């Protein structure tokens, strides 16, 4: 892929988009298994104290957050002749698959040994997750510089991601429902879940690896090799943090992820204790939810492409989440029907974030290149992920402490006070964080009109021609 093709917005072939989309399996599977079930697995399967379980999750995700900027910087400054992104991805899928199996495999550890084991496995999981996902996300920005094409690629990623989300959210419950009546222990069912997840992750990672061959910007890589020395990591991130639009996205992401993580992480508790749903009903919900989410995913992308504003689109869809959360808290979510209505509204609203947020982060890549003259997609994606994961770590740890504060015992017989606390953690509290996120995001200064102006000015600047910053002054 040449610089000229990137700058002129040449269309990306559909097989490349779909192949790249399959790579999201190595992102979606570890992420959703961890944030949906890991805390529940620790408290209800492994027997870990909720506060300790929350601390384990916090340490692991914070470690992941810390490694994001490092991996982003190393990826941007890689001199690998095969590219800056794909080699990282290829080498990471194998250990990532092994560790996700080890995380859920039955073991006989107890006490301190048990805590150390789960901390180690969780840290390794997030380490290899980072070394795959940061280059993977950065590769999406290199494939094309076209505003709508990037939105479309993220839409395809979202559409392909949801079946893997279903595999993670409903899979464990289906495995338990199918095998436990035949004498297979619940712990063994979780080990089987981890093995299947790892196998699927490898297959899809390989599809993405081969489908995107030749799509990296090798011309830029050779230019860096010949003319530019490696820069320091501190200088890189100091320059990025000076970009106002980028700071806006960082704080938007951290507050949204705190809210979303609280909602998703406590979901299994809500269905178990508020709605009294068994494994089959919970698995059925996640399966139906996936179909709903797949149908909803294109909606926000189509709207954003039509009106030329990811900002207005994401803000409007997020308000749906907030309004729904308030209604559901007072309704109580006491049955399967309540949970399904809630699922539909959440799928509609959050699909906009997952479809549009990274496409919005990609827009900053051109702005950074215009201001600083460097292509740093990996670093830009990595810092955004760092703050998201820091938010996720805070939320996961807070869940453990809040469950303890609400008197959660994990025995299956929870008080009315505890059940109401779980409901609040699944509705009102996440809605508050997402509202703060959107109040920040509404000031984001780049839509399609501004982006096209930035790309035009960048192209002229690189060609040594006269250029103007008229039309995107606020972004500067």
Protein backbone atom coordinates (compact mmCIF):
# COMPACT_ATOMS: atom_id res chain seq x y z
CA UNK A 1 0.00 0.00 0.00
CA UNK A 2 1.61 3.29 -1.11
CA UNK A 3 1.32 6.71 0.47
CA UNK A 4 -0.41 8.00 -2.67
CA UNK A 5 -3.14 5.35 -2.45
CA UNK A 6 -3.63 6.12 1.22
CA UNK A 7 -3.87 9.85 0.68
CA UNK A 8 -6.28 9.61 -2.24
CA UNK A 9 -8.60 7.37 -0.26
CA UNK A 10 -8.47 4.38 -2.62
CA UNK A 11 -11.24 1.90 -1.83
CA UNK A 12 -10.26 -1.12 0.23
CA UNK A 13 -11.31 -4.46 -1.30
CA UNK A 14 -14.13 -6.16 0.61
CA UNK A 15 -12.14 -9.39 1.26
CA UNK A 16 -9.46 -7.30 2.98
CA UNK A 17 -12.04 -5.56 5.15
CA UNK A 18 -13.65 -8.87 6.11
CA UNK A 19 -10.31 -10.58 6.70
CA UNK A 20 -9.18 -7.69 8.89
CA UNK A 21 -12.51 -7.91 10.72
CA UNK A 22 -11.90 -11.56 11.65
CA UNK A 23 -8.84 -10.41 13.55
CA UNK A 24 -11.14 -8.90 16.14
CA UNK A 25 -11.58 -12.41 17.58
CA UNK A 26 -8.22 -12.06 19.34
CA UNK A 27 -9.51 -8.79 20.79
CA UNK A 28 -13.14 -9.65 21.56
CA UNK A 29 -12.68 -13.11 23.06
CA UNK A 30 -10.16 -12.30 25.82
CA UNK A 31 -11.76 -8.92 26.52
CA UNK A 32 -15.33 -10.19 26.90
CA UNK A 33 -14.50 -13.41 28.73
CA UNK A 34 -12.48 -11.40 31.22
CA UNK A 35 -14.84 -8.50 31.82
CA UNK A 36 -18.05 -10.54 31.69
CA UNK A 37 -17.04 -13.61 33.66
CA UNK A 38 -13.62 -13.40 35.32
CA UNK A 39 -14.85 -11.69 38.48
CA UNK A 40 -17.82 -14.06 38.65
CA UNK A 41 -15.52 -17.04 37.98
CA UNK A 42 -13.24 -16.02 40.84
CA UNK A 43 -16.02 -15.39 43.37
CA UNK A 44 -18.49 -18.17 42.52
CA UNK A 45 -16.33 -20.92 40.94
CA UNK A 46 -12.86 -20.50 42.46
CA UNK A 47 -14.19 -19.24 45.80
CA UNK A 48 -12.12 -16.06 45.99
CA UNK A 49 -13.26 -13.23 48.25
CA UNK A 50 -14.99 -10.50 46.13
CA UNK A 51 -12.64 -7.74 47.29
CA UNK A 52 -9.58 -9.91 46.54
CA UNK A 53 -11.07 -10.89 43.17
CA UNK A 54 -11.59 -7.22 42.32
CA UNK A 55 -8.00 -6.47 43.30
CA UNK A 56 -6.67 -9.29 41.09
CA UNK A 57 -8.61 -7.89 38.14
CA UNK A 58 -7.43 -4.36 38.92
CA UNK A 59 -3.75 -5.36 39.00
CA UNK A 60 -4.00 -7.30 35.74
CA UNK A 61 -5.82 -4.62 33.76
CA UNK A 62 -3.61 -1.84 35.12
CA UNK A 63 -0.58 -3.82 33.99
CA UNK A 64 -2.19 -4.07 30.57
CA UNK A 65 -2.82 -0.33 30.55
CA UNK A 66 0.82 0.40 31.39
CA UNK A 67 2.10 -1.80 28.57
CA UNK A 68 -0.15 -0.21 25.92
CA UNK A 69 1.97 2.96 25.33
CA UNK A 70 5.15 0.88 25.31
CA UNK A 71 3.84 -1.56 22.70
CA UNK A 72 2.40 1.30 20.63
CA UNK A 73 5.76 3.09 20.60
CA UNK A 74 7.71 -0.08 19.77
CA UNK A 75 5.29 -0.94 16.98
CA UNK A 76 5.53 2.55 15.45
CA UNK A 77 9.32 2.41 15.54
CA UNK A 78 9.69 -1.19 14.39
CA UNK A 79 12.20 -1.80 11.58
CA UNK A 80 10.85 -5.26 10.75
CA UNK A 81 11.01 -5.67 6.94
CA UNK A 82 7.64 -7.43 7.04
CA UNK A 83 5.89 -4.40 8.52
CA UNK A 84 5.27 -2.60 11.79
CA UNK A 85 1.96 -4.31 12.73
CA UNK A 86 1.36 -7.80 11.33
CA UNK A 87 4.49 -9.48 12.78
CA UNK A 88 3.43 -8.38 16.27
CA UNK A 89 -0.04 -9.78 15.69
CA UNK A 90 1.19 -13.12 14.37
CA UNK A 91 3.58 -13.74 17.26
CA UNK A 92 0.99 -12.84 19.90
CA UNK A 93 -1.96 -15.06 19.00
CA UNK A 94 -0.25 -18.30 20.07
CA UNK A 95 0.65 -17.44 23.69
CA UNK A 96 -2.62 -15.50 24.03
CA UNK A 97 -4.61 -18.64 23.18
CA UNK A 98 -2.61 -20.77 25.64
CA UNK A 99 -3.02 -18.34 28.52
CA UNK A 100 -6.76 -17.91 28.04
CA UNK A 101 -7.03 -21.68 28.47
CA UNK A 102 -4.84 -21.68 31.59
CA UNK A 103 -6.87 -18.85 33.11
CA UNK A 104 -10.04 -20.96 33.30
CA UNK A 105 -8.62 -24.49 33.62
CA UNK A 106 -9.52 -26.25 36.91
CA UNK A 107 -6.76 -26.18 39.54
CA UNK A 108 -6.37 -27.14 43.19
CA UNK A 109 -4.62 -24.01 44.44
CA UNK A 110 -5.89 -22.32 47.59
CA UNK A 111 -5.09 -19.25 49.67
CA UNK A 112 -2.03 -17.25 48.66
CA UNK A 113 -1.02 -19.76 45.97
CA UNK A 114 -4.42 -19.38 44.35
CA UNK A 115 -4.17 -15.59 44.37
CA UNK A 116 -0.65 -15.67 42.89
CA UNK A 117 -1.75 -18.09 40.16
CA UNK A 118 -4.66 -15.94 39.03
CA UNK A 119 -2.65 -12.73 39.18
CA UNK A 120 0.08 -14.33 37.04
CA UNK A 121 -2.33 -15.78 34.49
CA UNK A 122 -4.33 -12.55 34.25
CA UNK A 123 -1.16 -10.46 33.81
CA UNK A 124 0.09 -12.78 31.06
CA UNK A 125 -3.30 -12.70 29.36
CA UNK A 126 -3.33 -8.90 29.20
CA UNK A 127 0.34 -8.75 28.15
CA UNK A 128 -0.24 -10.82 25.02
CA UNK A 129 -3.59 -9.13 24.48
CA UNK A 130 -1.77 -5.81 24.26
CA UNK A 131 0.97 -7.03 21.93
CA UNK A 132 -1.78 -8.19 19.55
CA UNK A 133 -4.48 -5.56 19.89
CA UNK A 134 -2.44 -2.35 19.73
CA UNK A 135 -0.81 -3.25 16.38
CA UNK A 136 -4.14 -4.68 15.17
CA UNK A 137 -6.01 -1.46 15.87
CA UNK A 138 -3.19 0.63 14.37
CA UNK A 139 -3.27 -1.48 11.20
CA UNK A 140 -6.88 -0.39 10.70
CA UNK A 141 -5.72 3.23 10.39
CA UNK A 142 -3.02 2.28 7.88
CA UNK A 143 -5.36 0.37 5.58
CA UNK A 144 -7.11 3.58 4.44
CA UNK A 145 -7.30 7.30 5.14
CA UNK A 146 -10.79 7.76 3.80
CA UNK A 147 -13.30 9.01 6.43
CA UNK A 148 -16.21 6.79 5.34
CA UNK A 149 -14.00 3.80 4.52
CA UNK A 150 -12.62 3.84 8.05
CA UNK A 151 -16.15 3.99 9.43
CA UNK A 152 -17.11 1.05 7.22
CA UNK A 153 -14.10 -1.00 8.32
CA UNK A 154 -15.01 -0.41 11.96
CA UNK A 155 -18.61 -1.38 11.15
CA UNK A 156 -17.40 -4.69 9.68
CA UNK A 157 -15.19 -5.25 12.71
CA UNK A 158 -18.23 -4.66 14.92
CA UNK A 159 -20.44 -7.00 12.91
CA UNK A 160 -17.86 -9.78 13.03
CA UNK A 161 -17.07 -9.13 16.69
CA UNK A 162 -20.55 -9.82 18.00
CA UNK A 163 -20.59 -13.57 17.26
CA UNK A 164 -17.38 -13.79 19.28
CA UNK A 165 -18.98 -11.70 22.00
CA UNK A 166 -21.81 -14.27 21.99
CA UNK A 167 -19.28 -17.09 22.18
CA UNK A 168 -17.90 -15.49 25.32
CA UNK A 169 -21.15 -14.32 26.92
CA UNK A 170 -23.39 -17.31 26.24
CA UNK A 171 -20.81 -20.03 25.56
CA UNK A 172 -19.91 -20.84 29.18
CA UNK A 173 -23.58 -21.10 30.16
CA UNK A 174 -24.38 -23.33 27.15
CA UNK A 175 -21.43 -25.59 28.00
CA UNK A 176 -22.55 -25.86 31.63
CA UNK A 177 -26.18 -26.48 30.64
CA UNK A 178 -25.18 -29.18 28.12
CA UNK A 179 -22.48 -31.05 30.04
CA UNK A 180 -23.24 -30.73 33.76
CA UNK A 181 -26.33 -33.06 33.56
CA UNK A 182 -23.94 -35.73 32.22
CA UNK A 183 -21.63 -35.55 35.21
CA UNK A 184 -19.11 -32.98 33.95
CA UNK A 185 -18.19 -30.61 36.77
CA UNK A 186 -18.80 -26.88 36.44
CA UNK A 187 -15.05 -26.29 36.82
CA UNK A 188 -14.32 -28.68 33.93
CA UNK A 189 -16.91 -26.84 31.82
CA UNK A 190 -14.97 -23.64 32.32
CA UNK A 191 -11.77 -25.39 31.20
CA UNK A 192 -13.53 -26.55 28.02
CA UNK A 193 -14.71 -22.98 27.43
CA UNK A 194 -11.13 -21.71 27.65
CA UNK A 195 -9.87 -24.36 25.22
CA UNK A 196 -12.53 -23.59 22.61
CA UNK A 197 -11.94 -19.85 22.96
CA UNK A 198 -8.20 -20.30 22.39
CA UNK A 199 -8.70 -22.44 19.28
CA UNK A 200 -11.13 -19.96 17.69
CA UNK A 201 -8.77 -17.10 18.52
CA UNK A 202 -5.88 -18.72 16.64
CA UNK A 203 -7.92 -19.55 13.53
CA UNK A 204 -9.32 -16.03 13.19
CA UNK A 205 -5.99 -14.39 13.96
CA UNK A 206 -4.42 -16.31 11.09
CA UNK A 207 -7.22 -15.27 8.74
CA UNK A 208 -6.53 -11.61 9.54
CA UNK A 209 -2.79 -12.09 9.18
CA UNK A 210 -2.98 -13.47 5.64
CA UNK A 211 -5.89 -11.26 4.47
CA UNK A 212 -4.02 -8.05 5.32
CA UNK A 213 -0.73 -9.05 3.71
CA UNK A 214 0.60 -6.11 1.70
CA UNK A 215 -1.77 -3.55 3.28
CA UNK A 216 0.80 -1.89 5.55
CA UNK A 217 2.46 1.36 4.51
CA UNK A 218 5.86 -0.11 3.59
CA UNK A 219 6.86 3.05 1.71
CA UNK A 220 6.72 5.04 4.93
CA UNK A 221 8.69 2.33 6.72
CA UNK A 222 11.55 2.53 4.21
CA UNK A 223 11.49 6.35 4.46
CA UNK A 224 11.91 6.17 8.23
CA UNK A 225 14.64 3.56 7.87
CA UNK A 226 16.70 5.75 5.57
CA UNK A 227 16.19 9.27 6.89
CA UNK A 228 14.84 9.42 10.45
CA UNK A 229 16.41 8.19 13.69
CA UNK A 230 14.25 6.59 16.34
CA UNK A 231 12.64 9.12 18.66
CA UNK A 232 12.19 8.76 22.42
CA UNK A 233 8.98 7.45 23.92
CA UNK A 234 8.64 10.48 26.19
CA UNK A 235 8.90 12.89 23.27
CA UNK A 236 6.31 10.90 21.33
CA UNK A 237 3.65 11.05 24.02
CA UNK A 238 4.46 14.62 25.00
CA UNK A 239 3.74 15.68 21.42
CA UNK A 240 0.53 13.64 21.26
CA UNK A 241 -0.82 15.09 24.50
CA UNK A 242 -0.47 18.58 23.10
CA UNK A 243 -3.19 17.79 20.56
CA UNK A 244 -6.47 19.05 22.04
CA UNK A 245 -8.70 16.77 19.96
CA UNK A 246 -6.71 13.78 21.17
CA UNK A 247 -7.01 14.75 24.83
CA UNK A 248 -10.76 15.04 24.32
CA UNK A 249 -10.95 11.47 22.98
CA UNK A 250 -8.85 10.11 25.82
CA UNK A 251 -11.13 11.47 28.53
CA UNK A 252 -14.21 10.50 26.53
CA UNK A 253 -12.96 6.92 26.37
CA UNK A 254 -11.97 6.55 30.02
CA UNK A 255 -15.34 7.64 31.40
CA UNK A 256 -17.30 5.61 28.85
CA UNK A 257 -15.31 2.45 29.60
CA UNK A 258 -15.79 2.85 33.34
CA UNK A 259 -19.53 2.98 32.76
CA UNK A 260 -19.61 0.14 30.24
CA UNK A 261 -17.36 -2.11 32.36
CA UNK A 262 -19.57 -1.63 35.42
CA UNK A 263 -22.62 -2.51 33.32
CA UNK A 264 -21.14 -5.59 31.61
CA UNK A 265 -19.14 -6.90 34.57
CA UNK A 266 -22.12 -7.02 36.89
CA UNK A 267 -24.47 -8.36 34.19
CA UNK A 268 -24.18 -12.01 35.22
CA UNK A 269 -24.90 -11.03 38.84
CA UNK A 270 -27.92 -9.01 37.73
CA UNK A 271 -29.35 -11.88 35.71
CA UNK A 272 -28.66 -14.38 38.47
CA UNK A 273 -29.92 -12.44 41.48
CA UNK A 274 -32.26 -9.71 40.17
CA UNK A 275 -33.99 -11.58 37.34
CA UNK A 276 -33.44 -15.11 38.77
CA UNK A 277 -32.31 -16.50 35.40
CA UNK A 278 -30.68 -19.91 35.19
CA UNK A 279 -27.79 -20.93 32.89
CA UNK A 280 -30.06 -21.81 29.94
CA UNK A 281 -31.96 -18.51 30.15
CA UNK A 282 -28.75 -16.52 30.48
CA UNK A 283 -27.23 -18.32 27.50
CA UNK A 284 -30.42 -17.71 25.52
CA UNK A 285 -30.30 -14.03 26.39
CA UNK A 286 -26.72 -13.63 25.17
CA UNK A 287 -27.50 -15.48 21.95
CA UNK A 288 -30.49 -13.25 21.21
CA UNK A 289 -28.54 -10.19 22.31
CA UNK A 290 -25.87 -10.99 19.74
CA UNK A 291 -28.40 -11.10 16.91
CA UNK A 292 -29.84 -7.78 18.07
CA UNK A 293 -26.38 -6.20 18.31
CA UNK A 294 -25.42 -7.37 14.82
CA UNK A 295 -28.59 -5.78 13.44
CA UNK A 296 -27.96 -2.56 15.39
CA UNK A 297 -24.28 -2.14 14.51
CA UNK A 298 -24.74 -0.75 10.96
CA UNK A 299 -27.35 1.76 12.15
CA UNK A 300 -24.98 4.20 13.84
CA UNK A 301 -22.37 3.88 11.06
CA UNK A 302 -24.96 4.62 8.38
CA UNK A 303 -26.18 7.64 10.36
CA UNK A 304 -22.62 8.92 10.92
CA UNK A 305 -21.71 8.56 7.25
CA UNK A 306 -24.97 10.20 6.19
CA UNK A 307 -24.68 13.30 8.37
CA UNK A 308 -20.86 13.41 8.37
CA UNK A 309 -20.60 13.57 12.16
CA UNK A 310 -19.49 10.78 14.46
CA UNK A 311 -19.82 13.21 17.37
CA UNK A 312 -23.54 13.90 17.01
CA UNK A 313 -24.27 10.25 16.25
CA UNK A 314 -22.44 8.84 19.26
CA UNK A 315 -23.90 11.47 21.59
CA UNK A 316 -27.46 10.71 20.47
CA UNK A 317 -27.06 6.94 20.81
CA UNK A 318 -25.46 7.29 24.25
CA UNK A 319 -28.48 9.22 25.48
CA UNK A 320 -30.50 6.07 24.71
CA UNK A 321 -28.31 4.14 27.16
CA UNK A 322 -28.80 6.74 29.88
CA UNK A 323 -32.57 7.00 29.49
CA UNK A 324 -32.93 3.22 29.40
CA UNK A 325 -30.81 2.78 32.54
CA UNK A 326 -33.04 5.12 34.52
CA UNK A 327 -36.22 3.35 33.37
CA UNK A 328 -34.81 -0.11 34.06
CA UNK A 329 -33.65 0.80 37.55
CA UNK A 330 -37.16 1.81 38.59
CA UNK A 331 -38.72 -1.08 36.66
CA UNK A 332 -36.51 -3.50 38.54
CA UNK A 333 -35.54 -6.04 35.85
CA UNK A 334 -37.16 -8.96 37.63
CA UNK A 335 -37.78 -11.31 34.67
CA UNK A 336 -36.45 -12.49 31.32
CA UNK A 337 -38.62 -9.99 29.40
CA UNK A 338 -37.16 -7.05 31.34
CA UNK A 339 -33.64 -8.29 30.66
CA UNK A 340 -34.36 -8.64 26.93
CA UNK A 341 -35.80 -5.13 26.61
CA UNK A 342 -32.76 -3.80 28.45
CA UNK A 343 -30.49 -5.83 26.18
CA UNK A 344 -32.06 -4.39 23.04
CA UNK A 345 -31.63 -0.79 24.19
CA UNK A 346 -28.06 -1.40 25.35
CA UNK A 347 -27.12 -3.14 22.09
CA UNK A 348 -28.48 -0.24 20.07
CA UNK A 349 -26.66 2.40 22.10
CA UNK A 350 -23.28 0.75 22.81
CA UNK A 351 -22.86 -0.55 19.25
CA UNK A 352 -22.40 3.11 18.30
CA UNK A 353 -19.45 3.49 20.65
CA UNK A 354 -17.69 0.31 19.55
CA UNK A 355 -18.31 1.15 15.90
CA UNK A 356 -17.37 4.82 15.99
CA UNK A 357 -14.87 5.45 18.77
CA UNK A 358 -11.81 3.88 17.11
CA UNK A 359 -12.74 5.38 13.75
CA UNK A 360 -12.71 8.73 15.57
CA UNK A 361 -9.31 7.99 17.12
CA UNK A 362 -8.02 7.21 13.62
CA UNK A 363 -8.90 10.77 12.54
CA UNK A 364 -6.24 12.10 14.91
CA UNK A 365 -3.54 10.20 12.99
CA UNK A 366 -3.73 12.66 10.09
CA UNK A 367 -3.89 15.62 12.47
CA UNK A 368 -0.75 14.41 14.25
CA UNK A 369 1.05 13.90 10.95
CA UNK A 370 0.06 17.39 9.82
CA UNK A 371 1.30 18.99 13.07
CA UNK A 372 4.36 16.83 13.79
CA UNK A 373 5.19 15.20 10.45
CA UNK A 374 5.08 11.63 11.78
CA UNK A 375 2.89 8.58 11.31
CA UNK A 376 2.24 7.18 14.79
CA UNK A 377 -0.94 5.16 14.51
CA UNK A 378 0.31 2.64 17.09
CA UNK A 379 1.12 5.24 19.71
CA UNK A 380 -2.15 7.10 19.13
CA UNK A 381 -4.22 3.93 19.50
CA UNK A 382 -2.12 2.72 22.43
CA UNK A 383 -2.58 5.78 24.63
CA UNK A 384 -6.31 5.78 23.96
CA UNK A 385 -6.38 2.12 25.00
CA UNK A 386 -4.20 2.86 28.02
CA UNK A 387 -6.75 5.24 29.48
CA UNK A 388 -9.66 2.98 28.54
CA UNK A 389 -8.04 0.05 30.31
CA UNK A 390 -7.13 2.17 33.29
CA UNK A 391 -10.82 3.01 33.48
CA UNK A 392 -11.68 -0.66 33.09
CA UNK A 393 -9.27 -1.58 35.87
CA UNK A 394 -10.76 1.01 38.21
CA UNK A 395 -14.27 -0.18 37.37
CA UNK A 396 -13.43 -3.86 37.87
CA UNK A 397 -11.77 -3.22 41.21
CA UNK A 398 -14.67 -0.99 42.23
CA UNK A 399 -17.12 -3.78 41.37
CA UNK A 400 -15.43 -6.12 43.83
CA UNK A 401 -15.46 -3.53 46.59
CA UNK A 402 -19.03 -2.45 45.84
CA UNK A 403 -20.24 -6.05 45.94
CA UNK A 404 -18.57 -6.40 49.31
CA UNK A 405 -20.09 -3.10 50.45
CA UNK A 406 -23.55 -4.25 49.38
CA UNK A 407 -23.09 -7.42 51.43
CA UNK A 408 -22.62 -9.91 48.58
CA UNK A 409 -21.79 -13.41 49.88
CA UNK A 410 -21.76 -15.60 46.75
CA UNK A 411 -23.81 -18.26 48.54
CA UNK A 412 -26.85 -17.83 46.30
CA UNK A 413 -28.98 -16.32 49.05
CA UNK A 414 -28.49 -12.56 48.82
CA UNK A 415 -30.39 -9.90 50.77
CA UNK A 416 -32.80 -7.41 49.21
CA UNK A 417 -30.26 -4.67 49.91
CA UNK A 418 -27.59 -6.61 47.99
CA UNK A 419 -29.88 -7.30 45.03
CA UNK A 420 -30.85 -3.62 44.80
CA UNK A 421 -27.17 -2.69 44.94
CA UNK A 422 -26.43 -5.05 42.04
CA UNK A 423 -29.26 -3.47 40.04
CA UNK A 424 -27.88 0.02 40.72
CA UNK A 425 -24.39 -1.11 39.62
CA UNK A 426 -25.93 -2.34 36.36
CA UNK A 427 -28.00 0.77 35.56
CA UNK A 428 -27.73 4.13 37.36
CA UNK A 429 -24.01 4.14 38.13
CA UNK A 430 -22.89 3.21 34.57
CA UNK A 431 -25.30 5.77 33.13
CA UNK A 432 -23.71 8.53 35.23
CA UNK A 433 -20.23 7.79 33.86
CA UNK A 434 -21.45 7.61 30.26
CA UNK A 435 -23.20 10.96 30.69
CA UNK A 436 -19.91 12.53 31.82
CA UNK A 437 -18.18 10.91 28.83
CA UNK A 438 -20.63 12.46 26.37
CA UNK A 439 -20.46 15.90 27.98
CA UNK A 440 -16.73 15.79 27.22
CA UNK A 441 -17.11 14.33 23.73
CA UNK A 442 -19.59 16.97 22.54
CA UNK A 443 -16.63 19.40 22.35
CA UNK A 444 -14.65 17.13 19.97
CA UNK A 445 -13.62 19.38 17.02
CA UNK A 446 -13.34 16.97 14.04
CA UNK A 447 -16.16 15.80 11.78
CA UNK A 448 -15.99 14.75 8.12
CA UNK A 449 -15.74 18.34 6.86
CA UNK A 450 -12.80 19.15 9.15
CA UNK A 451 -11.15 15.79 8.44
CA UNK A 452 -11.23 16.33 4.69
CA UNK A 453 -9.66 19.77 5.18
CA UNK A 454 -6.91 18.24 7.33
CA UNK A 455 -6.21 15.53 4.76
CA UNK A 456 -6.12 18.06 1.92
CA UNK A 457 -3.71 20.34 3.82
CA UNK A 458 -1.54 17.35 4.77
CA UNK A 459 -1.30 16.20 1.17
CA UNK A 460 -0.23 19.69 0.03
CA UNK A 461 2.24 20.02 2.88
CA UNK A 462 3.88 16.69 2.02
CA UNK A 463 4.10 17.76 -1.64
CA UNK A 464 5.77 21.06 -0.67
CA UNK A 465 2.82 23.13 -1.87
CA UNK A 466 1.06 26.04 -0.19
CA UNK A 467 -1.63 24.95 2.24
CA UNK A 468 -4.18 26.53 4.59
CA UNK A 469 -5.51 25.58 8.02
CA UNK A 470 -8.83 27.25 7.27
CA UNK A 471 -11.72 25.01 8.28
CA UNK A 472 -9.97 23.07 11.03
CA UNK A 473 -8.56 25.77 13.27
CA UNK A 474 -10.38 24.38 16.32
CA UNK A 475 -8.69 21.03 15.85
CA UNK A 476 -5.33 22.79 16.18
